[in-house]
Amino acid sequence: MRKLYFILFIALLAVAGCKNDPQAPQAKAQPVLNAVKHAKGLQIFKYDGITVVKVTEPWPDAKQSFTYVMQQKGAVVPDSLKQFTIIPVPLTSVIVTSTTHIPSLEMLGVESTLVGFPGTEYISSEKTRVLIDSGKVKEAGANESLNTEIVIDINPGAVVAFGINSTNKTLTALEQSRLKVLYNGDWTEQSPLGKAEWIKFFGALYAKDAEADKLFSQIEKDYNDALALTKSVTKKPTAMAGAIYQDQWFMPQGGSWGSLFLKDAGANYLWADAVGIGSLSLSLETVLDKAQNADIWIGPSQFTSLKEMTDANPHYAQFKSFKNKEVYSYSVKKGKTGGLIYFEMAPNRPDLVLKDLIYIFHPELLPGYQLNYFQKLQ
């Protein structure tokens, strides 16, 4: 891995051509990589006064990547880097488009720079809700979809967006209006630590690289410490997941984010061998045949009580985990305006998600632990 990073250093250095640019900042002989160890879609290179951030997987199966140059005051961007989007940092104002971006801003202590968000009712964080309620964060659209006119009127230092594919007329219009638009690909990461490492993306935007590194290192340590607890586990309770939506049962495939959490928590997820990183779509009969005697049921969609589940589909009561009241949901704990805390926080705090799941499957490993995101349904 270090050899690959070194090759990337040399390649980027060749593109930048800093050595032959008389106006370039006093850069070191080679750039320093802000070590990205887990995130597959993020690369960060550091020069004196300049940080180059490359997003290589902005959406699934992307054929293009995006390069952003973070320029601190007084630093000179070499001509060879001027073709990329240049962002003066630290940012003083920003619009983000996913609730998963909010925890990174708060952890870095820069939430006061947030000036707009599309669908503010989905934000659960109490700290950011104070800013929303006081009018400091404007409604910039709905359901994470931006309103072009409002965003242009707000005129933030940057818009941090996410893309489902290469076609996004709204973001194109904003770029044509000379706004700085950056793609954040944290949602494409599948490993728990890979998603969390995207705090370094925001660290670069605010010239807080060292703070972001420190925060992530602590999360990484806490995750690995929790993981170590399950290494000696010999008995792994069987696990099922998901619920029915429009006559199909959706649950995570074996290589997905959710499935990897179950593996690390010492659970025997019954579909762990299902190839893929997305969701499975199965019939009730198929799930019942394989998971009727599963020990524990994790994440039954939007349900917040056992009664809600059987009201929606009486067949849920046929599962052993339901009968034994071993059903755990992330949909119970919500913010003041109804946003799910799990969806907002979990990608940034995989250490806490893992501890929750370890406690659910192996409570003896974490005596006295209080669940952060999950709750047993009654």
Protein backbone atom coordinates (compact mmCIF):
# COMPACT_ATOMS: atom_id res chain seq x y z
CA MET A 1 0.00 0.00 0.00
CA ARG A 2 2.79 2.44 0.86
CA LYS A 3 4.41 1.66 -2.50
CA LEU A 4 1.16 2.61 -4.24
CA TYR A 5 1.01 5.88 -2.29
CA PHE A 6 4.57 6.68 -3.31
CA ILE A 7 3.70 6.06 -6.98
CA LEU A 8 0.70 8.38 -6.60
CA PHE A 9 2.99 11.04 -5.08
CA ILE A 10 5.31 10.93 -8.05
CA ALA A 11 2.47 10.93 -10.57
CA LEU A 12 0.80 13.97 -9.03
CA LEU A 13 4.11 15.76 -8.67
CA ALA A 14 4.78 15.26 -12.36
CA VAL A 15 1.37 16.72 -13.23
CA ALA A 16 1.79 19.68 -10.90
CA GLY A 17 5.21 20.66 -12.22
CA CYS A 18 5.96 22.75 -9.12
CA LYS A 19 9.73 22.54 -9.53
CA ASN A 20 9.67 24.57 -12.75
CA ASP A 21 7.16 27.19 -11.63
CA PRO A 22 8.94 30.28 -10.25
CA GLN A 23 5.74 31.39 -8.51
CA ALA A 24 5.00 28.07 -6.82
CA PRO A 25 5.00 27.99 -3.02
CA GLN A 26 8.07 26.66 -1.25
CA ALA A 27 7.01 23.04 -1.66
CA LYS A 28 8.90 20.09 -0.35
CA ALA A 29 10.74 17.80 -2.78
CA GLN A 30 7.61 15.67 -2.94
CA PRO A 31 4.09 16.18 -1.64
CA VAL A 32 3.05 14.69 1.66
CA LEU A 33 0.11 12.33 1.46
CA ASN A 34 -2.41 12.83 4.22
CA ALA A 35 -2.55 9.06 4.71
CA VAL A 36 -5.93 7.76 3.57
CA LYS A 37 -5.97 4.16 4.70
CA HIS A 38 -9.54 2.94 4.40
CA ALA A 39 -11.50 5.18 2.02
CA LYS A 40 -11.18 3.81 -1.51
CA GLY A 41 -12.61 6.85 -3.27
CA LEU A 42 -10.50 9.56 -1.62
CA GLN A 43 -6.89 10.67 -2.14
CA ILE A 44 -5.26 13.64 -0.41
CA PHE A 45 -1.91 15.20 -1.26
CA LYS A 46 -0.39 18.02 0.79
CA TYR A 47 2.04 20.71 -0.28
CA ASP A 48 3.04 23.80 1.67
CA GLY A 49 -0.12 25.91 1.65
CA ILE A 50 -1.92 23.71 -0.86
CA THR A 51 -3.90 20.50 -0.42
CA VAL A 52 -5.00 18.52 -3.47
CA VAL A 53 -8.07 16.36 -2.90
CA LYS A 54 -9.02 13.76 -5.50
CA VAL A 55 -12.44 12.09 -5.40
CA THR A 56 -12.05 8.94 -7.47
CA GLU A 57 -15.45 7.33 -6.83
CA PRO A 58 -18.07 10.12 -6.71
CA TRP A 59 -20.80 7.58 -7.49
CA PRO A 60 -20.92 3.81 -8.13
CA ASP A 61 -19.04 2.68 -11.24
CA ALA A 62 -17.97 6.25 -11.99
CA LYS A 63 -15.84 6.69 -15.10
CA GLN A 64 -14.59 10.10 -14.04
CA SER A 65 -12.91 11.58 -11.01
CA PHE A 66 -12.76 15.10 -9.57
CA THR A 67 -9.74 17.01 -8.33
CA TYR A 68 -9.99 19.98 -5.99
CA VAL A 69 -7.20 22.32 -4.96
CA MET A 70 -7.48 23.79 -1.47
CA GLN A 71 -5.50 27.03 -1.40
CA GLN A 72 -4.51 28.66 1.88
CA LYS A 73 -3.95 32.40 2.08
CA GLY A 74 -0.63 33.43 0.54
CA ALA A 75 -0.04 30.15 -1.31
CA VAL A 76 0.37 30.25 -5.08
CA VAL A 77 -1.30 27.58 -7.18
CA PRO A 78 1.01 26.27 -9.95
CA ASP A 79 -0.25 26.78 -13.50
CA SER A 80 -0.59 23.02 -13.99
CA LEU A 81 -3.14 22.83 -11.16
CA LYS A 82 -5.23 25.80 -12.29
CA GLN A 83 -7.33 23.55 -14.53
CA PHE A 84 -8.97 22.14 -11.41
CA THR A 85 -11.53 23.70 -9.06
CA ILE A 86 -9.63 25.96 -6.66
CA ILE A 87 -11.12 26.55 -3.22
CA PRO A 88 -9.75 29.29 -0.92
CA VAL A 89 -9.53 27.74 2.54
CA PRO A 90 -10.53 27.75 5.27
CA LEU A 91 -14.11 28.03 4.09
CA THR A 92 -16.22 30.68 5.77
CA SER A 93 -19.55 29.47 4.37
CA VAL A 94 -20.82 26.21 2.96
CA ILE A 95 -23.93 24.38 1.80
CA VAL A 96 -23.91 20.61 2.30
CA THR A 97 -26.50 18.24 0.88
CA SER A 98 -26.47 15.14 3.07
CA THR A 99 -27.16 14.82 6.78
CA THR A 100 -24.04 12.61 6.96
CA HIS A 101 -21.98 15.76 6.34
CA ILE A 102 -23.27 17.47 9.47
CA PRO A 103 -21.30 15.42 12.05
CA SER A 104 -18.01 16.15 10.27
CA LEU A 105 -18.67 19.89 10.47
CA GLU A 106 -19.54 19.62 14.15
CA MET A 107 -16.59 17.40 15.03
CA LEU A 108 -14.27 19.94 13.42
CA GLY A 109 -16.02 22.81 15.21
CA VAL A 110 -17.07 24.59 12.00
CA GLU A 111 -20.83 24.02 12.02
CA SER A 112 -21.35 27.80 12.23
CA THR A 113 -20.16 28.05 8.59
CA LEU A 114 -23.21 26.08 7.41
CA VAL A 115 -25.51 28.52 5.63
CA GLY A 116 -27.89 26.23 3.75
CA PHE A 117 -29.24 22.71 3.49
CA PRO A 118 -31.95 21.09 1.31
CA GLY A 119 -34.51 19.61 3.69
CA THR A 120 -33.47 21.02 7.05
CA GLU A 121 -36.17 18.99 8.82
CA TYR A 122 -34.04 15.88 8.33
CA ILE A 123 -31.17 17.25 10.42
CA SER A 124 -31.25 15.75 13.91
CA SER A 125 -28.19 17.27 15.59
CA GLU A 126 -29.27 19.55 18.42
CA LYS A 127 -26.31 21.86 17.87
CA THR A 128 -27.11 22.41 14.19
CA ARG A 129 -30.83 22.63 14.86
CA VAL A 130 -30.14 25.67 17.03
CA LEU A 131 -28.55 27.31 13.97
CA ILE A 132 -31.52 26.34 11.81
CA ASP A 133 -34.07 27.61 14.31
CA SER A 134 -32.24 30.92 14.61
CA GLY A 135 -32.35 31.40 10.83
CA LYS A 136 -28.61 31.03 10.27
CA VAL A 137 -29.09 27.93 8.09
CA LYS A 138 -31.42 28.58 5.17
CA GLU A 139 -33.73 26.05 3.54
CA ALA A 140 -31.97 25.39 0.22
CA GLY A 141 -34.35 22.90 -1.35
CA ALA A 142 -36.18 19.74 -0.38
CA ASN A 143 -35.36 16.07 0.14
CA GLU A 144 -31.64 16.74 -0.39
CA SER A 145 -32.39 18.30 -3.80
CA LEU A 146 -31.08 21.84 -4.22
CA ASN A 147 -33.08 24.86 -5.36
CA THR A 148 -30.77 26.60 -7.85
CA GLU A 149 -32.09 30.12 -7.34
CA ILE A 150 -31.87 29.92 -3.54
CA VAL A 151 -28.33 28.53 -3.60
CA ILE A 152 -27.15 31.22 -6.01
CA ASP A 153 -28.74 33.86 -3.77
CA ILE A 154 -26.99 32.44 -0.67
CA ASN A 155 -23.69 32.38 -2.61
CA PRO A 156 -21.71 30.04 -0.32
CA GLY A 157 -17.97 29.54 -0.49
CA ALA A 158 -18.65 25.97 -1.62
CA VAL A 159 -21.45 23.50 -2.21
CA VAL A 160 -20.65 19.97 -1.05
CA ALA A 161 -22.88 17.65 -3.02
CA PHE A 162 -23.24 13.99 -3.90
CA GLY A 163 -24.13 12.47 -7.24
CA ILE A 164 -26.04 9.33 -8.17
CA ASN A 165 -24.55 9.43 -11.68
CA SER A 166 -22.84 11.81 -14.11
CA THR A 167 -26.07 13.66 -14.96
CA ASN A 168 -27.10 16.40 -12.55
CA LYS A 169 -28.58 19.47 -14.17
CA THR A 170 -28.82 21.39 -10.89
CA LEU A 171 -25.14 21.02 -10.04
CA THR A 172 -24.18 21.86 -13.63
CA ALA A 173 -26.27 25.04 -13.42
CA LEU A 174 -24.58 26.02 -10.16
CA GLU A 175 -21.13 25.49 -11.67
CA GLN A 176 -22.12 27.60 -14.67
CA SER A 177 -23.08 30.32 -12.17
CA ARG A 178 -19.45 30.20 -10.94
CA LEU A 179 -20.24 28.52 -7.64
CA LYS A 180 -17.70 26.05 -6.30
CA VAL A 181 -19.32 22.59 -6.38
CA LEU A 182 -17.52 19.62 -4.84
CA TYR A 183 -18.60 15.99 -5.02
CA ASN A 184 -18.38 14.03 -1.80
CA GLY A 185 -18.30 10.26 -2.33
CA ASP A 186 -18.50 9.08 1.27
CA TRP A 187 -21.76 7.26 0.58
CA THR A 188 -20.10 4.95 -1.98
CA GLU A 189 -17.70 3.52 0.61
CA GLN A 190 -18.58 0.08 1.94
CA SER A 191 -16.15 -0.41 4.81
CA PRO A 192 -17.23 1.15 8.13
CA LEU A 193 -13.90 2.94 8.60
CA GLY A 194 -13.83 3.94 4.92
CA LYS A 195 -16.98 6.03 5.29
CA ALA A 196 -15.75 7.65 8.50
CA GLU A 197 -12.40 8.61 6.98
CA TRP A 198 -14.13 11.18 4.78
CA ILE A 199 -13.88 13.60 7.69
CA LYS A 200 -10.46 14.27 6.13
CA PHE A 201 -12.26 15.71 3.09
CA PHE A 202 -13.81 18.33 5.35
CA GLY A 203 -10.53 18.76 7.19
CA ALA A 204 -8.96 19.89 3.91
CA LEU A 205 -11.83 22.33 3.24
CA TYR A 206 -11.21 24.07 6.55
CA ALA A 207 -7.40 23.77 6.70
CA LYS A 208 -7.93 21.51 9.70
CA ASP A 209 -6.11 18.47 8.36
CA ALA A 210 -4.36 17.72 11.63
CA GLU A 211 -7.61 17.92 13.61
CA ALA A 212 -9.36 15.63 11.11
CA ASP A 213 -6.50 13.12 11.28
CA LYS A 214 -6.63 13.09 15.07
CA LEU A 215 -10.40 12.67 15.20
CA PHE A 216 -10.36 9.82 12.72
CA SER A 217 -7.40 8.11 14.40
CA GLN A 218 -9.37 8.01 17.65
CA ILE A 219 -12.43 6.56 15.89
CA GLU A 220 -10.20 3.99 14.18
CA LYS A 221 -8.59 3.02 17.48
CA ASP A 222 -11.93 2.72 19.26
CA TYR A 223 -13.31 0.62 16.41
CA ASN A 224 -10.34 -1.73 16.43
CA ASP A 225 -10.43 -1.99 20.23
CA ALA A 226 -14.08 -3.03 20.01
CA LEU A 227 -13.31 -5.43 17.18
CA ALA A 228 -10.65 -7.10 19.30
CA LEU A 229 -13.32 -8.01 21.85
CA THR A 230 -15.00 -10.37 19.39
CA LYS A 231 -11.87 -12.21 18.28
CA SER A 232 -12.22 -14.81 21.02
CA VAL A 233 -15.93 -15.38 20.43
CA THR A 234 -16.70 -19.02 19.64
CA LYS A 235 -20.49 -18.95 19.47
CA LYS A 236 -21.95 -16.52 16.95
CA PRO A 237 -25.71 -15.88 17.14
CA THR A 238 -27.47 -16.06 13.78
CA ALA A 239 -28.71 -12.76 12.38
CA MET A 240 -31.35 -11.68 9.89
CA ALA A 241 -32.02 -8.15 8.67
CA GLY A 242 -34.38 -5.89 6.77
CA ALA A 243 -38.11 -6.09 6.12
CA ILE A 244 -40.70 -6.19 3.36
CA TYR A 245 -41.30 -3.25 1.04
CA GLN A 246 -43.78 -3.57 -1.83
CA ASP A 247 -43.91 -7.37 -1.54
CA GLN A 248 -40.13 -7.78 -1.58
CA TRP A 249 -37.82 -8.33 1.40
CA PHE A 250 -34.79 -6.05 1.23
CA MET A 251 -31.63 -6.83 3.19
CA PRO A 252 -27.90 -6.09 2.79
CA GLN A 253 -25.72 -8.18 0.51
CA GLY A 254 -22.65 -9.86 1.98
CA GLY A 255 -20.11 -7.21 1.00
CA SER A 256 -22.17 -4.21 2.05
CA TRP A 257 -21.57 -1.74 4.86
CA GLY A 258 -24.28 -3.23 7.07
CA SER A 259 -23.14 -6.80 6.54
CA LEU A 260 -19.54 -5.97 7.42
CA PHE A 261 -20.69 -4.49 10.73
CA LEU A 262 -22.45 -7.75 11.58
CA LYS A 263 -19.35 -9.74 10.75
CA ASP A 264 -17.14 -7.54 12.94
CA ALA A 265 -19.69 -7.73 15.77
CA GLY A 266 -19.33 -11.50 15.92
CA ALA A 267 -22.69 -12.33 14.35
CA ASN A 268 -23.45 -15.09 11.88
CA TYR A 269 -25.37 -13.12 9.26
CA LEU A 270 -27.32 -15.68 7.27
CA TRP A 271 -26.75 -13.89 3.96
CA ALA A 272 -23.06 -13.08 4.53
CA ASP A 273 -22.13 -15.14 1.47
CA ALA A 274 -24.41 -13.17 -0.86
CA VAL A 275 -22.07 -11.57 -3.39
CA GLY A 276 -22.44 -7.82 -3.81
CA ILE A 277 -22.38 -4.52 -1.96
CA GLY A 278 -25.99 -3.43 -2.38
CA SER A 279 -29.30 -4.93 -1.30
CA LEU A 280 -30.91 -8.29 -1.85
CA SER A 281 -34.54 -8.42 -2.98
CA LEU A 282 -36.17 -11.66 -1.83
CA SER A 283 -39.60 -13.15 -1.35
CA LEU A 284 -41.08 -13.64 2.11
CA GLU A 285 -41.05 -17.39 1.52
CA THR A 286 -37.31 -17.39 0.79
CA VAL A 287 -36.51 -15.43 3.94
CA LEU A 288 -38.82 -17.48 6.10
CA ASP A 289 -37.26 -20.71 4.85
CA LYS A 290 -33.74 -19.58 5.76
CA ALA A 291 -34.21 -17.26 8.73
CA GLN A 292 -37.28 -18.46 10.60
CA ASN A 293 -35.06 -19.62 13.47
CA ALA A 294 -32.57 -16.74 13.38
CA ASP A 295 -31.57 -15.59 16.86
CA ILE A 296 -31.62 -11.82 16.32
CA TRP A 297 -33.33 -9.49 13.84
CA ILE A 298 -31.49 -6.24 13.02
CA GLY A 299 -32.90 -3.14 11.31
CA PRO A 300 -36.52 -4.02 10.40
CA SER A 301 -36.92 -0.96 8.19
CA GLN A 302 -39.01 1.95 9.56
CA PHE A 303 -40.83 0.01 12.28
CA THR A 304 -40.65 1.28 15.85
CA SER A 305 -42.67 -1.41 17.64
CA LEU A 306 -43.52 -5.09 17.28
CA LYS A 307 -47.21 -4.19 16.88
CA GLU A 308 -46.38 -1.92 13.94
CA MET A 309 -44.65 -4.86 12.33
CA THR A 310 -47.51 -7.33 12.62
CA ASP A 311 -50.04 -4.66 11.66
CA ALA A 312 -48.08 -4.26 8.43
CA ASN A 313 -47.58 -8.00 7.87
CA PRO A 314 -48.77 -10.73 10.26
CA HIS A 315 -46.17 -13.15 8.85
CA TYR A 316 -43.43 -11.32 10.78
CA ALA A 317 -44.72 -13.09 13.89
CA GLN A 318 -43.59 -16.45 12.48
CA PHE A 319 -39.94 -15.66 13.08
CA LYS A 320 -38.24 -16.92 16.24
CA SER A 321 -36.49 -13.59 16.79
CA PHE A 322 -39.86 -11.82 16.74
CA LYS A 323 -41.41 -14.31 19.15
CA ASN A 324 -38.48 -13.89 21.55
CA LYS A 325 -38.55 -10.10 21.19
CA GLU A 326 -35.00 -10.04 19.86
CA VAL A 327 -35.69 -7.37 17.24
CA TYR A 328 -33.53 -4.25 17.22
CA SER A 329 -34.29 -1.13 15.22
CA TYR A 330 -32.45 2.11 14.42
CA SER A 331 -35.75 3.84 13.58
CA VAL A 332 -36.83 4.58 17.14
CA LYS A 333 -34.32 7.28 17.98
CA LYS A 334 -35.13 10.47 16.12
CA GLY A 335 -34.27 14.15 16.20
CA LYS A 336 -36.68 16.91 17.16
CA THR A 337 -38.11 17.15 13.64
CA GLY A 338 -38.22 13.43 12.88
CA GLY A 339 -34.86 12.78 11.24
CA LEU A 340 -33.27 9.43 12.06
CA ILE A 341 -30.20 9.90 14.24
CA TYR A 342 -28.70 6.65 12.92
CA PHE A 343 -28.71 7.80 9.29
CA GLU A 344 -27.03 11.06 10.24
CA MET A 345 -24.44 9.83 12.71
CA ALA A 346 -23.67 6.18 11.98
CA PRO A 347 -21.43 6.67 8.92
CA ASN A 348 -19.24 9.05 10.94
CA ARG A 349 -19.15 6.97 14.12
CA PRO A 350 -18.69 3.32 13.13
CA ASP A 351 -17.04 2.71 16.49
CA LEU A 352 -20.33 3.38 18.26
CA VAL A 353 -22.33 1.33 15.75
CA LEU A 354 -19.99 -1.61 16.27
CA LYS A 355 -20.25 -1.35 20.06
CA ASP A 356 -24.04 -1.28 19.78
CA LEU A 357 -24.01 -4.47 17.72
CA ILE A 358 -21.46 -6.21 19.94
CA TYR A 359 -23.67 -5.50 22.92
CA ILE A 360 -26.72 -6.85 21.07
CA PHE A 361 -25.02 -10.09 20.02
CA HIS A 362 -22.57 -10.51 22.92
CA PRO A 363 -23.74 -8.41 25.89
CA GLU A 364 -21.22 -10.13 28.16
CA LEU A 365 -18.40 -8.35 26.30
CA LEU A 366 -19.69 -4.86 27.20
CA PRO A 367 -21.35 -5.10 30.62
CA GLY A 368 -23.43 -2.04 31.50
CA TYR A 369 -23.25 -0.61 27.98
CA GLN A 370 -26.02 1.74 26.80
CA LEU A 371 -27.09 1.54 23.16
CA ASN A 372 -26.47 4.69 21.10
CA TYR A 373 -28.47 4.08 17.91
CA PHE A 374 -30.36 0.80 18.19
CA GLN A 375 -33.25 -0.05 20.47
CA LYS A 376 -35.00 -3.33 21.21
CA LEU A 377 -38.57 -3.22 19.97
CA GLN A 378 -41.41 -3.83 22.39
